[in-house]
N, C-alpha and C. Protein backbone atom coordinates (compact mmCIF):
# COMPACT_ATOMS: atom_id res chain seq x y z
N ALA A 1 18.73 14.29 10.02
CA ALA A 1 18.70 13.51 8.73
C ALA A 1 17.65 13.84 7.81
N PRO A 2 17.99 13.81 6.54
CA PRO A 2 16.89 14.30 5.50
C PRO A 2 15.71 13.08 5.39
N ILE A 3 14.39 13.77 5.18
CA ILE A 3 13.29 12.96 4.99
C ILE A 3 12.58 13.46 3.77
N CYS A 4 11.69 12.42 3.21
CA CYS A 4 11.13 12.76 1.87
C CYS A 4 10.20 14.09 2.22
N LYS A 5 10.16 14.89 1.08
CA LYS A 5 9.39 16.14 1.20
C LYS A 5 7.95 16.09 1.10
N ASP A 6 7.28 16.73 1.83
CA ASP A 6 5.97 16.66 2.09
C ASP A 6 5.58 15.12 2.66
N GLY A 7 6.20 14.42 3.28
CA GLY A 7 6.03 13.16 3.88
C GLY A 7 5.62 12.21 2.88
N SER A 8 5.84 12.46 1.46
CA SER A 8 5.55 11.36 0.51
C SER A 8 6.50 10.29 0.58
N LEU A 9 6.25 8.99 0.90
CA LEU A 9 7.30 8.06 0.98
C LEU A 9 7.33 7.09 -0.35
N ILE A 10 6.09 7.01 -0.93
CA ILE A 10 6.03 6.08 -2.17
C ILE A 10 5.04 6.73 -3.36
N GLN A 11 5.77 6.75 -4.55
CA GLN A 11 5.12 7.22 -5.68
C GLN A 11 4.90 6.15 -6.54
N ILE A 12 3.74 5.83 -7.20
CA ILE A 12 3.42 5.00 -8.21
C ILE A 12 3.62 5.55 -9.72
N VAL A 13 4.36 4.86 -10.40
CA VAL A 13 4.75 5.57 -11.78
C VAL A 13 4.42 4.48 -12.78
N GLY A 14 3.67 4.76 -13.69
CA GLY A 14 3.44 3.93 -14.74
C GLY A 14 4.39 4.28 -15.86
N ALA A 15 4.96 3.17 -16.79
CA ALA A 15 5.87 3.30 -17.86
C ALA A 15 5.69 2.23 -18.76
N LEU A 16 5.82 2.67 -20.32
CA LEU A 16 5.88 1.73 -21.02
C LEU A 16 7.16 1.06 -21.30
N LYS A 17 7.46 -0.11 -21.92
CA LYS A 17 8.63 -0.43 -22.37
C LYS A 17 9.26 0.45 -23.54
N HIS A 18 10.55 0.63 -23.17
CA HIS A 18 11.67 1.67 -24.14
C HIS A 18 11.15 3.11 -23.65
N GLU A 19 10.17 3.38 -22.82
CA GLU A 19 9.99 4.63 -22.31
C GLU A 19 10.98 5.34 -21.36
N THR A 20 11.33 6.40 -21.41
CA THR A 20 12.27 7.02 -20.12
C THR A 20 11.63 7.94 -19.41
N ILE A 21 11.38 7.80 -18.31
CA ILE A 21 10.65 8.52 -17.28
C ILE A 21 11.76 9.29 -16.16
N SER A 22 11.04 10.31 -15.70
CA SER A 22 12.13 11.15 -15.00
C SER A 22 11.58 11.24 -13.41
N LEU A 23 12.35 10.56 -12.76
CA LEU A 23 11.84 10.39 -11.26
C LEU A 23 12.61 11.42 -10.57
N VAL A 24 11.75 12.34 -9.79
CA VAL A 24 12.42 13.37 -8.87
C VAL A 24 12.32 12.97 -7.41
N CYS A 25 13.55 12.79 -6.60
CA CYS A 25 13.62 12.50 -5.26
C CYS A 25 13.76 13.74 -4.66
N GLY A 26 12.66 14.55 -4.04
CA GLY A 26 12.75 15.37 -3.19
C GLY A 26 12.93 15.33 -1.69
N VAL A 27 13.73 16.02 -0.92
CA VAL A 27 13.99 15.62 0.57
C VAL A 27 13.88 16.91 1.02
N GLN A 28 13.43 17.01 2.48
CA GLN A 28 13.68 18.33 3.23
C GLN A 28 14.94 17.93 4.05
N ALA A 29 15.99 19.02 4.26
CA ALA A 29 16.97 18.51 4.93
C ALA A 29 17.58 19.81 5.30
N LYS A 30 18.15 19.93 6.62
CA LYS A 30 18.95 21.08 7.27
C LYS A 30 19.80 20.41 7.96
N PRO A 31 21.14 20.63 7.47
CA PRO A 31 21.84 21.32 6.67
C PRO A 31 21.49 20.44 5.21
N PRO A 32 21.51 21.15 4.07
CA PRO A 32 21.54 20.53 2.75
C PRO A 32 22.04 19.20 2.49
N PRO A 33 21.65 18.26 1.88
CA PRO A 33 22.33 16.97 1.47
C PRO A 33 23.43 17.11 0.77
N THR A 34 24.49 16.31 1.18
CA THR A 34 25.63 16.37 0.65
C THR A 34 26.03 15.20 -0.71
N MET A 35 24.99 14.39 -0.36
CA MET A 35 25.09 13.08 -1.36
C MET A 35 23.49 12.51 -1.54
N PHE A 36 23.48 12.11 -2.74
CA PHE A 36 22.12 11.16 -3.05
C PHE A 36 22.63 9.78 -3.59
N HIS A 37 21.97 8.81 -3.39
CA HIS A 37 22.20 7.67 -4.07
C HIS A 37 20.93 7.03 -4.25
N TRP A 38 20.69 6.20 -5.18
CA TRP A 38 19.64 5.43 -5.87
C TRP A 38 19.89 3.78 -5.97
N THR A 39 18.92 3.15 -5.52
CA THR A 39 18.96 1.62 -5.81
C THR A 39 17.71 1.12 -6.45
N PHE A 40 17.92 0.08 -6.98
CA PHE A 40 16.80 -0.62 -7.78
C PHE A 40 16.50 -1.93 -7.23
N ASN A 41 15.42 -2.54 -7.14
CA ASN A 41 15.07 -3.57 -6.68
C ASN A 41 13.61 -4.05 -7.34
N ASN A 42 13.96 -5.36 -8.12
CA ASN A 42 12.77 -5.86 -8.93
C ASN A 42 12.44 -7.32 -8.39
N SER A 43 13.00 -7.78 -7.22
CA SER A 43 12.83 -9.15 -6.59
C SER A 43 12.20 -9.12 -5.32
N GLY A 44 12.67 -8.10 -4.51
CA GLY A 44 12.18 -8.16 -3.05
C GLY A 44 13.47 -8.76 -2.25
N GLU A 45 14.53 -9.21 -2.98
CA GLU A 45 15.71 -9.73 -2.10
C GLU A 45 16.97 -9.02 -2.38
N LEU A 46 17.26 -8.36 -3.40
CA LEU A 46 18.53 -7.53 -3.44
C LEU A 46 18.38 -6.25 -4.11
N SER A 47 18.71 -5.03 -3.48
CA SER A 47 18.92 -4.18 -4.17
C SER A 47 20.13 -3.83 -4.92
N MET A 48 19.95 -3.17 -6.13
CA MET A 48 21.33 -2.94 -6.76
C MET A 48 21.44 -1.25 -7.09
N PRO A 49 22.68 -1.10 -6.89
CA PRO A 49 22.95 0.56 -6.95
C PRO A 49 22.67 1.06 -8.24
N VAL A 50 22.17 2.33 -8.54
CA VAL A 50 22.11 2.78 -9.74
C VAL A 50 23.62 3.59 -9.82
N PRO A 51 24.16 3.56 -11.22
CA PRO A 51 25.36 4.24 -11.26
C PRO A 51 25.20 5.62 -11.07
N ALA A 52 25.95 6.55 -10.50
CA ALA A 52 25.89 7.65 -10.07
C ALA A 52 25.96 8.60 -11.33
N ASP A 53 26.31 8.19 -12.63
CA ASP A 53 26.28 8.88 -13.84
C ASP A 53 24.81 8.92 -14.42
N ARG A 54 23.94 8.28 -13.86
CA ARG A 54 22.53 8.41 -14.29
C ARG A 54 21.72 9.26 -13.79
N TYR A 55 22.11 9.82 -12.62
CA TYR A 55 21.35 10.88 -11.95
C TYR A 55 22.11 12.16 -11.57
N GLY A 56 21.40 13.35 -11.21
CA GLY A 56 22.04 14.48 -10.96
C GLY A 56 21.21 15.29 -9.86
N PRO A 57 21.88 16.26 -9.53
CA PRO A 57 21.12 17.19 -8.50
C PRO A 57 20.23 18.21 -9.17
N ILE A 58 19.37 18.79 -8.36
CA ILE A 58 18.33 19.84 -8.81
C ILE A 58 18.46 20.70 -7.82
N LYS A 59 18.33 22.17 -8.40
CA LYS A 59 18.70 23.26 -7.78
C LYS A 59 17.70 23.40 -6.64
N PRO A 60 18.04 23.82 -5.31
CA PRO A 60 17.23 23.92 -4.15
C PRO A 60 16.07 24.90 -4.79
N GLN A 61 14.70 24.50 -4.13
CA GLN A 61 13.82 25.39 -4.30
C GLN A 61 13.17 25.88 -3.04
N THR A 62 12.84 27.30 -3.15
CA THR A 62 12.62 27.83 -1.70
C THR A 62 10.95 27.90 -1.81
N ARG A 63 10.56 27.38 -0.75
CA ARG A 63 8.87 27.58 -0.55
C ARG A 63 8.79 28.37 0.58
N ILE A 64 7.45 28.70 0.91
CA ILE A 64 7.07 29.59 2.05
C ILE A 64 7.40 28.89 3.21
N THR A 65 7.28 27.89 3.52
CA THR A 65 7.56 27.36 4.90
C THR A 65 8.84 26.34 5.04
N ASN A 66 9.36 25.80 3.77
CA ASN A 66 10.53 24.93 4.05
C ASN A 66 11.65 25.10 2.60
N GLN A 67 12.59 24.53 2.75
CA GLN A 67 13.42 24.43 1.69
C GLN A 67 13.68 22.68 1.42
N TRP A 68 13.46 22.61 0.22
CA TRP A 68 13.65 21.21 -0.28
C TRP A 68 14.88 20.99 -1.36
N HIS A 69 15.53 20.08 -1.40
CA HIS A 69 16.52 19.53 -2.22
C HIS A 69 16.17 18.38 -2.91
N GLY A 70 16.86 18.09 -4.15
CA GLY A 70 16.40 16.83 -4.92
C GLY A 70 17.48 16.26 -5.73
N SER A 71 17.29 15.30 -6.26
CA SER A 71 18.02 14.41 -7.29
C SER A 71 17.19 13.97 -8.31
N ARG A 72 17.41 13.98 -9.69
CA ARG A 72 16.69 13.44 -10.80
C ARG A 72 17.37 12.24 -11.38
N LEU A 73 16.40 11.09 -11.30
CA LEU A 73 17.08 10.01 -12.25
C LEU A 73 16.18 9.80 -13.39
N ASN A 74 16.85 9.76 -14.77
CA ASN A 74 16.19 9.49 -16.08
C ASN A 74 16.26 7.96 -16.13
N TYR A 75 15.08 7.34 -16.05
CA TYR A 75 15.30 5.89 -15.94
C TYR A 75 14.36 5.21 -17.20
N THR A 76 15.17 4.40 -17.86
CA THR A 76 14.57 3.89 -19.10
C THR A 76 14.17 2.43 -18.96
N ILE A 77 12.91 2.14 -19.28
CA ILE A 77 12.44 0.60 -19.16
C ILE A 77 12.99 0.04 -20.43
N GLU A 78 13.82 -0.89 -20.33
CA GLU A 78 14.29 -1.77 -21.76
C GLU A 78 13.76 -3.18 -21.61
N GLN A 79 13.45 -3.64 -20.57
CA GLN A 79 12.88 -4.91 -20.26
C GLN A 79 12.08 -5.31 -19.16
N ASP A 80 11.12 -6.51 -19.27
CA ASP A 80 10.24 -6.63 -17.91
C ASP A 80 10.84 -6.47 -16.65
N SER A 81 12.17 -7.00 -16.67
CA SER A 81 12.92 -6.91 -15.20
C SER A 81 13.24 -5.42 -14.84
N ASP A 82 12.99 -4.49 -15.49
CA ASP A 82 13.32 -3.05 -15.10
C ASP A 82 12.22 -2.51 -14.51
N TYR A 83 11.07 -3.36 -14.46
CA TYR A 83 9.87 -2.76 -13.35
C TYR A 83 10.05 -3.33 -12.02
N GLY A 84 9.98 -2.35 -11.05
CA GLY A 84 10.24 -2.86 -9.74
C GLY A 84 10.26 -1.77 -9.07
N THR A 85 11.00 -1.43 -7.83
CA THR A 85 11.00 -0.50 -6.86
C THR A 85 12.13 0.31 -6.95
N VAL A 86 12.25 1.38 -7.13
CA VAL A 86 13.45 2.36 -7.22
C VAL A 86 13.44 3.30 -5.88
N SER A 87 14.43 3.21 -5.12
CA SER A 87 14.65 3.99 -3.87
C SER A 87 15.86 5.07 -3.84
N CYS A 88 15.46 6.17 -3.17
CA CYS A 88 16.38 7.30 -3.22
C CYS A 88 16.78 7.65 -1.69
N TRP A 89 17.98 7.71 -1.57
CA TRP A 89 18.51 8.07 -0.34
C TRP A 89 19.18 9.26 -0.15
N ALA A 90 18.96 10.39 0.51
CA ALA A 90 19.83 11.59 0.95
C ALA A 90 20.77 11.35 2.09
N GLU A 91 21.94 12.13 2.07
CA GLU A 91 22.75 12.17 3.39
C GLU A 91 23.10 13.62 3.43
N ASN A 92 23.33 13.92 4.63
CA ASN A 92 23.90 15.28 5.15
C ASN A 92 24.72 15.14 6.29
N ARG A 93 25.23 16.34 6.87
CA ARG A 93 26.07 16.06 7.91
C ARG A 93 25.43 15.29 9.15
N ARG A 94 24.25 15.63 9.26
CA ARG A 94 23.50 14.91 10.37
C ARG A 94 23.30 13.39 10.28
N GLY A 95 23.33 12.80 9.03
CA GLY A 95 23.32 11.46 8.97
C GLY A 95 22.51 11.18 7.44
N VAL A 96 22.36 9.79 7.36
CA VAL A 96 21.78 9.16 6.27
C VAL A 96 20.34 9.17 6.29
N GLN A 97 19.46 9.45 5.47
CA GLN A 97 18.05 9.23 5.67
C GLN A 97 17.49 7.78 6.05
N ARG A 98 16.72 7.89 6.87
CA ARG A 98 16.45 6.45 7.80
C ARG A 98 15.52 5.89 6.77
N THR A 99 14.55 6.30 6.13
CA THR A 99 13.46 5.99 5.23
C THR A 99 13.54 6.37 3.98
N PRO A 100 13.57 5.46 3.03
CA PRO A 100 14.10 6.01 1.67
C PRO A 100 12.73 6.70 0.81
N CYS A 101 12.85 7.57 -0.07
CA CYS A 101 11.77 7.79 -0.87
C CYS A 101 11.62 6.65 -1.92
N LEU A 102 10.60 6.26 -2.19
CA LEU A 102 10.38 5.18 -3.00
C LEU A 102 9.46 5.45 -4.26
N PHE A 103 9.73 4.75 -5.30
CA PHE A 103 9.06 4.91 -6.73
C PHE A 103 8.83 3.54 -7.18
N GLN A 104 7.30 3.09 -7.03
CA GLN A 104 7.11 1.95 -7.59
C GLN A 104 6.88 2.02 -9.12
N ILE A 105 7.65 1.52 -10.03
CA ILE A 105 7.46 1.35 -11.65
C ILE A 105 6.67 0.19 -12.06
N ILE A 106 5.39 0.55 -12.44
CA ILE A 106 4.73 -0.44 -12.99
C ILE A 106 4.46 -0.44 -14.59
N VAL A 107 3.79 -1.48 -15.13
CA VAL A 107 3.51 -1.14 -16.30
C VAL A 107 2.10 -0.36 -16.74
N ALA A 108 2.27 0.47 -17.76
CA ALA A 108 1.42 1.40 -18.02
C ALA A 108 0.67 0.97 -19.21
N GLY A 109 -0.74 1.16 -19.24
CA GLY A 109 -1.34 0.77 -20.46
C GLY A 109 -1.26 2.10 -21.42
N ARG A 110 -1.45 1.57 -22.60
CA ARG A 110 -1.57 2.87 -23.79
C ARG A 110 -2.64 3.47 -23.35
N PRO A 111 -2.70 4.93 -23.69
CA PRO A 111 -3.92 5.73 -23.64
C PRO A 111 -4.75 5.18 -24.78
N TYR A 112 -6.18 5.67 -24.54
CA TYR A 112 -7.06 5.33 -25.65
C TYR A 112 -6.86 6.23 -26.68
N PRO A 113 -7.28 5.98 -28.00
CA PRO A 113 -7.12 7.05 -29.00
C PRO A 113 -7.97 8.14 -28.91
N LEU A 114 -7.68 9.30 -29.34
CA LEU A 114 -8.90 10.25 -29.40
C LEU A 114 -9.89 10.09 -30.41
N GLN A 115 -11.10 10.53 -29.85
CA GLN A 115 -12.34 10.37 -30.85
C GLN A 115 -12.97 11.60 -30.99
N ASN A 116 -13.76 11.88 -32.11
CA ASN A 116 -14.62 13.05 -32.08
C ASN A 116 -13.78 14.16 -31.82
N CYS A 117 -12.50 14.32 -32.49
CA CYS A 117 -11.78 15.69 -32.37
C CYS A 117 -11.58 16.26 -33.65
N SER A 118 -11.33 17.46 -33.59
CA SER A 118 -10.96 18.16 -35.01
C SER A 118 -9.82 19.00 -34.69
N ALA A 119 -8.86 19.35 -35.56
CA ALA A 119 -7.96 20.56 -35.45
C ALA A 119 -8.51 21.70 -35.94
N VAL A 120 -8.28 22.85 -35.19
CA VAL A 120 -8.63 24.16 -35.75
C VAL A 120 -7.44 25.10 -35.58
N GLN A 121 -6.99 25.78 -36.85
CA GLN A 121 -6.07 26.62 -36.66
C GLN A 121 -6.20 27.76 -35.61
N SER A 122 -5.33 28.27 -34.95
CA SER A 122 -5.70 29.34 -34.10
C SER A 122 -4.49 30.46 -34.26
N THR A 123 -4.48 31.73 -33.67
CA THR A 123 -3.85 32.72 -33.82
C THR A 123 -3.16 32.61 -32.57
N GLY A 124 -3.42 31.97 -31.76
CA GLY A 124 -2.89 32.02 -30.29
C GLY A 124 -1.31 31.36 -30.26
N PRO A 125 -0.78 31.50 -28.99
CA PRO A 125 0.84 31.02 -29.16
C PRO A 125 1.17 29.47 -29.46
N TYR A 126 -0.20 28.57 -29.51
CA TYR A 126 0.28 27.18 -29.73
C TYR A 126 -0.07 27.11 -31.12
N GLY A 127 -0.69 27.63 -32.06
CA GLY A 127 -0.93 27.43 -33.30
C GLY A 127 -2.24 26.65 -33.71
N TYR A 128 -2.35 25.43 -33.03
CA TYR A 128 -3.60 24.67 -33.36
C TYR A 128 -4.14 24.32 -32.10
N ARG A 129 -5.54 23.99 -32.02
CA ARG A 129 -6.20 23.48 -30.82
C ARG A 129 -7.05 22.49 -31.31
N THR A 130 -7.46 21.29 -30.03
CA THR A 130 -8.37 20.32 -30.57
C THR A 130 -9.73 20.47 -29.94
């Protein structure tokens, strides 16, 4: 059955209200996963399925020692109840993932404003630098 890639079971992700974050669920699986599904839980009691049209597959990436597969969910925080735990499960011919990959979505603080900066025009590929 699939397992979370690199053994990472939980990721903490900070997000602001009305921000869309991209969650990538990567798993190691041989044979490759035939299906991914996502759930959301904000209360600790009931997990709600995330509609399948909200996520999609990621092309397999070959690494030196393993191959991983993934699914990407673009998740938008609209209200306070959208903060919580998003879980991702993969399934292949050998079975369903026993332990999901977890994303703990927490309130992010706004970054501090820049101080003592100036913009300088550059001839490099990015035009300006600070």
